């Protein structure tokens, strides 16, 4: 849980422009239905220069 919170904090800091121009974060959400149940998925990301940071839950 701490790792997830740390990654969210890092993505927020990167997106706010603390080290330069602010960047727009991206978000993808989906739901898949299979015989074993319903599975939600969410990913948050941002791209800063050549670095692409994505957090998937």
PDB file of N, CA and C in Angstrom:
ATOM      1  N   UNK A   1       0.821  -1.185   0.000  1.00  0.00           N
ATOM      2  CA  UNK A   1       0.000   0.000   0.000  1.00  0.00           C
ATOM      3  C   UNK A   1       0.873   1.260   0.000  1.00  0.00           C
ATOM      4  N   UNK A   2       1.970   1.233   0.749  1.00  0.00           N
ATOM      5  CA  UNK A   2       2.858   2.390   0.796  1.00  0.00           C
ATOM      6  C   UNK A   2       3.496   2.647  -0.563  1.00  0.00           C
ATOM      7  N   UNK A   3       3.794   1.577  -1.277  1.00  0.00           N
ATOM      8  CA  UNK A   3       4.396   1.722  -2.599  1.00  0.00           C
ATOM      9  C   UNK A   3       3.428   2.414  -3.546  1.00  0.00           C
ATOM     10  N   UNK A   4       2.162   2.031  -3.507  1.00  0.00           N
ATOM     11  CA  UNK A   4       1.155   2.648  -4.365  1.00  0.00           C
ATOM     12  C   UNK A   4       1.017   4.130  -4.033  1.00  0.00           C
ATOM     13  N   UNK A   5       0.967   4.468  -2.756  1.00  0.00           N
ATOM     14  CA  UNK A   5       0.853   5.864  -2.351  1.00  0.00           C
ATOM     15  C   UNK A   5       2.089   6.660  -2.769  1.00  0.00           C
ATOM     16  N   UNK A   6       3.259   6.053  -2.672  1.00  0.00           N
ATOM     17  CA  UNK A   6       4.481   6.734  -3.085  1.00  0.00           C
ATOM     18  C   UNK A   6       4.484   6.980  -4.590  1.00  0.00           C
ATOM     19  N   UNK A   7       3.998   6.025  -5.364  1.00  0.00           N
ATOM     20  CA  UNK A   7       3.947   6.187  -6.815  1.00  0.00           C
ATOM     21  C   UNK A   7       2.935   7.267  -7.206  1.00  0.00           C
ATOM     22  N   UNK A   8       1.809   7.328  -6.511  1.00  0.00           N
ATOM     23  CA  UNK A   8       0.821   8.376  -6.776  1.00  0.00           C
ATOM     24  C   UNK A   8       1.407   9.746  -6.436  1.00  0.00           C
ATOM     25  N   UNK A   9       2.125   9.835  -5.328  1.00  0.00           N
ATOM     26  CA  UNK A   9       2.752  11.101  -4.946  1.00  0.00           C
ATOM     27  C   UNK A   9       3.789  11.520  -5.976  1.00  0.00           C
ATOM     28  N   UNK A  10       4.573  10.575  -6.487  1.00  0.00           N
ATOM     29  CA  UNK A  10       5.576  10.881  -7.502  1.00  0.00           C
ATOM     30  C   UNK A  10       4.920  11.349  -8.796  1.00  0.00           C
ATOM     31  N   UNK A  11       3.855  10.692  -9.203  1.00  0.00           N
ATOM     32  CA  UNK A  11       3.140  11.099 -10.424  1.00  0.00           C
ATOM     33  C   UNK A  11       2.532  12.490 -10.261  1.00  0.00           C
ATOM     34  N   UNK A  12       2.007  12.782  -9.080  1.00  0.00           N
ATOM     35  CA  UNK A  12       1.423  14.098  -8.820  1.00  0.00           C
ATOM     36  C   UNK A  12       2.497  15.176  -8.849  1.00  0.00           C
ATOM     37  N   UNK A  13       3.634  14.920  -8.231  1.00  0.00           N
ATOM     38  CA  UNK A  13       4.728  15.882  -8.227  1.00  0.00           C
ATOM     39  C   UNK A  13       5.246  16.123  -9.635  1.00  0.00           C
ATOM     40  N   UNK A  14       5.348  15.076 -10.410  1.00  0.00           N
ATOM     41  CA  UNK A  14       5.813  15.207 -11.789  1.00  0.00           C
ATOM     42  C   UNK A  14       4.827  16.018 -12.614  1.00  0.00           C
ATOM     43  N   UNK A  15       3.553  15.782 -12.422  1.00  0.00           N
ATOM     44  CA  UNK A  15       2.527  16.453 -13.225  1.00  0.00           C
ATOM     45  C   UNK A  15       2.307  17.906 -12.823  1.00  0.00           C
ATOM     46  N   UNK A  16       2.673  18.297 -11.614  1.00  0.00           N
ATOM     47  CA  UNK A  16       2.375  19.656 -11.164  1.00  0.00           C
ATOM     48  C   UNK A  16       3.330  20.695 -11.712  1.00  0.00           C
ATOM     49  N   UNK A  17       4.438  20.273 -12.287  1.00  0.00           N
ATOM     50  CA  UNK A  17       5.385  21.219 -12.855  1.00  0.00           C
ATOM     51  C   UNK A  17       6.396  21.736 -11.857  1.00  0.00           C
ATOM     52  N   UNK A  18       6.648  21.011 -10.777  1.00  0.00           N
ATOM     53  CA  UNK A  18       7.607  21.461  -9.775  1.00  0.00           C
ATOM     54  C   UNK A  18       9.016  21.562 -10.347  1.00  0.00           C
ATOM     55  N   UNK A  19       9.324  20.795 -11.374  1.00  0.00           N
ATOM     56  CA  UNK A  19      10.657  20.813 -11.965  1.00  0.00           C
ATOM     57  C   UNK A  19      10.673  21.442 -13.358  1.00  0.00           C
ATOM     58  N   UNK A  20       9.629  22.129 -13.741  1.00  0.00           N
ATOM     59  CA  UNK A  20       9.568  22.751 -15.066  1.00  0.00           C
ATOM     60  C   UNK A  20       8.126  22.997 -15.463  1.00  0.00           C
ATOM     61  N   UNK A  21       7.871  22.905 -16.749  1.00  0.00           N
ATOM     62  CA  UNK A  21       6.519  23.106 -17.264  1.00  0.00           C
ATOM     63  C   UNK A  21       5.573  22.020 -16.758  1.00  0.00           C
ATOM     64  N   UNK A  22       4.341  22.372 -16.399  1.00  0.00           N
ATOM     65  CA  UNK A  22       3.373  21.351 -15.998  1.00  0.00           C
ATOM     66  C   UNK A  22       2.971  20.491 -17.191  1.00  0.00           C
ATOM     67  N   UNK A  23       2.714  19.230 -16.930  1.00  0.00           N
ATOM     68  CA  UNK A  23       2.277  18.298 -17.967  1.00  0.00           C
ATOM     69  C   UNK A  23       0.891  17.789 -17.619  1.00  0.00           C
ATOM     70  N   UNK A  24       0.158  17.371 -18.627  1.00  0.00           N
ATOM     71  CA  UNK A  24      -1.192  16.871 -18.404  1.00  0.00           C
ATOM     72  C   UNK A  24      -1.148  15.365 -18.173  1.00  0.00           C
ATOM     73  N   UNK A  25      -1.645  14.898 -17.037  1.00  0.00           N
ATOM     74  CA  UNK A  25      -1.685  13.454 -16.794  1.00  0.00           C
ATOM     75  C   UNK A  25      -2.772  12.796 -17.641  1.00  0.00           C
ATOM     76  N   UNK A  26      -2.633  11.502 -17.858  1.00  0.00           N
ATOM     77  CA  UNK A  26      -3.645  10.746 -18.594  1.00  0.00           C
ATOM     78  C   UNK A  26      -4.245   9.687 -17.680  1.00  0.00           C
ATOM     79  N   UNK A  27      -5.471   9.274 -17.996  1.00  0.00           N
ATOM     80  CA  UNK A  27      -6.144   8.255 -17.201  1.00  0.00           C
ATOM     81  C   UNK A  27      -6.934   7.341 -18.124  1.00  0.00           C
ATOM     82  N   UNK A  28      -6.840   6.056 -17.856  1.00  0.00           N
ATOM     83  CA  UNK A  28      -7.628   5.060 -18.570  1.00  0.00           C
ATOM     84  C   UNK A  28      -8.353   4.208 -17.545  1.00  0.00           C
ATOM     85  N   UNK A  29      -9.613   3.905 -17.825  1.00  0.00           N
ATOM     86  CA  UNK A  29     -10.392   3.056 -16.921  1.00  0.00           C
ATOM     87  C   UNK A  29     -11.178   2.060 -17.758  1.00  0.00           C
ATOM     88  N   UNK A  30     -11.354   0.879 -17.203  1.00  0.00           N
ATOM     89  CA  UNK A  30     -12.108  -0.129 -17.932  1.00  0.00           C
ATOM     90  C   UNK A  30     -12.667  -1.184 -17.002  1.00  0.00           C
ATOM     91  N   UNK A  31     -13.591  -1.943 -17.533  1.00  0.00           N
ATOM     92  CA  UNK A  31     -14.199  -3.047 -16.800  1.00  0.00           C
ATOM     93  C   UNK A  31     -14.265  -4.234 -17.747  1.00  0.00           C
ATOM     94  N   UNK A  32     -13.770  -5.378 -17.284  1.00  0.00           N
ATOM     95  CA  UNK A  32     -13.890  -6.585 -18.089  1.00  0.00           C
ATOM     96  C   UNK A  32     -14.764  -7.592 -17.357  1.00  0.00           C
ATOM     97  N   UNK A  33     -15.638  -8.226 -18.102  1.00  0.00           N
ATOM     98  CA  UNK A  33     -16.538  -9.226 -17.545  1.00  0.00           C
ATOM     99  C   UNK A  33     -16.130 -10.579 -18.098  1.00  0.00           C
ATOM    100  N   UNK A  34     -15.790 -11.493 -17.211  1.00  0.00           N
ATOM    101  CA  UNK A  34     -15.384 -12.841 -17.588  1.00  0.00           C
ATOM    102  C   UNK A  34     -16.237 -13.838 -16.806  1.00  0.00           C
ATOM    103  N   UNK A  35     -16.169 -15.098 -17.153  1.00  0.00           N
ATOM    104  CA  UNK A  35     -16.916 -16.101 -16.386  1.00  0.00           C
ATOM    105  C   UNK A  35     -16.530 -16.154 -14.903  1.00  0.00           C
ATOM    106  N   UNK A  36     -15.300 -15.699 -14.587  1.00  0.00           N
ATOM    107  CA  UNK A  36     -14.883 -15.723 -13.188  1.00  0.00           C
ATOM    108  C   UNK A  36     -15.249 -14.451 -12.426  1.00  0.00           C
ATOM    109  N   UNK A  37     -15.850 -13.467 -13.091  1.00  0.00           N
ATOM    110  CA  UNK A  37     -16.298 -12.264 -12.392  1.00  0.00           C
ATOM    111  C   UNK A  37     -16.028 -10.989 -13.162  1.00  0.00           C
ATOM    112  N   UNK A  38     -16.273  -9.877 -12.501  1.00  0.00           N
ATOM    113  CA  UNK A  38     -16.075  -8.552 -13.073  1.00  0.00           C
ATOM    114  C   UNK A  38     -14.763  -8.003 -12.525  1.00  0.00           C
ATOM    115  N   UNK A  39     -13.913  -7.471 -13.418  1.00  0.00           N
ATOM    116  CA  UNK A  39     -12.603  -6.988 -13.020  1.00  0.00           C
ATOM    117  C   UNK A  39     -12.409  -5.556 -13.507  1.00  0.00           C
ATOM    118  N   UNK A  40     -12.401  -4.573 -12.579  1.00  0.00           N
ATOM    119  CA  UNK A  40     -12.143  -3.190 -12.987  1.00  0.00           C
ATOM    120  C   UNK A  40     -10.641  -2.956 -13.143  1.00  0.00           C
ATOM    121  N   UNK A  41     -10.275  -2.012 -13.986  1.00  0.00           N
ATOM    122  CA  UNK A  41      -8.869  -1.634 -14.134  1.00  0.00           C
ATOM    123  C   UNK A  41      -8.772  -0.127 -14.322  1.00  0.00           C
ATOM    124  N   UNK A  42      -7.724   0.442 -13.749  1.00  0.00           N
ATOM    125  CA  UNK A  42      -7.482   1.875 -13.851  1.00  0.00           C
ATOM    126  C   UNK A  42      -5.982   2.078 -14.030  1.00  0.00           C
ATOM    127  N   UNK A  43      -5.604   2.980 -14.917  1.00  0.00           N
ATOM    128  CA  UNK A  43      -4.203   3.346 -15.040  1.00  0.00           C
ATOM    129  C   UNK A  43      -4.086   4.860 -15.140  1.00  0.00           C
ATOM    130  N   UNK A  44      -3.091   5.394 -14.446  1.00  0.00           N
ATOM    131  CA  UNK A  44      -2.796   6.812 -14.455  1.00  0.00           C
ATOM    132  C   UNK A  44      -1.389   6.971 -15.003  1.00  0.00           C
ATOM    133  N   UNK A  45      -1.175   7.978 -15.800  1.00  0.00           N
ATOM    134  CA  UNK A  45       0.152   8.144 -16.366  1.00  0.00           C
ATOM    135  C   UNK A  45       0.455   9.571 -16.736  1.00  0.00           C
ATOM    136  N   UNK A  46       1.726   9.803 -16.987  1.00  0.00           N
ATOM    137  CA  UNK A  46       2.195  11.092 -17.468  1.00  0.00           C
ATOM    138  C   UNK A  46       3.468  10.872 -18.263  1.00  0.00           C
ATOM    139  N   UNK A  47       3.752  11.756 -19.181  1.00  0.00           N
ATOM    140  CA  UNK A  47       4.949  11.648 -19.999  1.00  0.00           C
ATOM    141  C   UNK A  47       5.737  12.931 -19.855  1.00  0.00           C
ATOM    142  N   UNK A  48       7.000  12.795 -19.453  1.00  0.00           N
ATOM    143  CA  UNK A  48       7.892  13.935 -19.287  1.00  0.00           C
ATOM    144  C   UNK A  48       9.126  13.649 -20.134  1.00  0.00           C
ATOM    145  N   UNK A  49       9.237  14.338 -21.246  1.00  0.00           N
ATOM    146  CA  UNK A  49      10.356  14.086 -22.156  1.00  0.00           C
ATOM    147  C   UNK A  49      10.323  12.652 -22.632  1.00  0.00           C
ATOM    148  N   UNK A  50      11.447  11.947 -22.517  1.00  0.00           N
ATOM    149  CA  UNK A  50      11.483  10.554 -22.961  1.00  0.00           C
ATOM    150  C   UNK A  50      10.959   9.573 -21.909  1.00  0.00           C
ATOM    151  N   UNK A  51      10.596  10.052 -20.728  1.00  0.00           N
ATOM    152  CA  UNK A  51      10.159   9.177 -19.640  1.00  0.00           C
ATOM    153  C   UNK A  51       8.645   9.119 -19.595  1.00  0.00           C
ATOM    154  N   UNK A  52       8.109   7.909 -19.565  1.00  0.00           N
ATOM    155  CA  UNK A  52       6.675   7.685 -19.479  1.00  0.00           C
ATOM    156  C   UNK A  52       6.392   6.946 -18.182  1.00  0.00           C
ATOM    157  N   UNK A  53       5.683   7.561 -17.258  1.00  0.00           N
ATOM    158  CA  UNK A  53       5.390   6.987 -15.948  1.00  0.00           C
ATOM    159  C   UNK A  53       3.929   6.569 -15.920  1.00  0.00           C
ATOM    160  N   UNK A  54       3.680   5.269 -15.674  1.00  0.00           N
ATOM    161  CA  UNK A  54       2.324   4.738 -15.652  1.00  0.00           C
ATOM    162  C   UNK A  54       2.128   3.948 -14.359  1.00  0.00           C
ATOM    163  N   UNK A  55       1.003   4.191 -13.712  1.00  0.00           N
ATOM    164  CA  UNK A  55       0.621   3.458 -12.513  1.00  0.00           C
ATOM    165  C   UNK A  55      -0.686   2.750 -12.807  1.00  0.00           C
ATOM    166  N   UNK A  56      -0.680   1.438 -12.776  1.00  0.00           N
ATOM    167  CA  UNK A  56      -1.879   0.663 -13.057  1.00  0.00           C
ATOM    168  C   UNK A  56      -2.405  -0.002 -11.800  1.00  0.00           C
ATOM    169  N   UNK A  57      -3.703   0.060 -11.605  1.00  0.00           N
ATOM    170  CA  UNK A  57      -4.346  -0.576 -10.452  1.00  0.00           C
ATOM    171  C   UNK A  57      -5.373  -1.558 -10.942  1.00  0.00           C
TER     172      UNK A  57
END
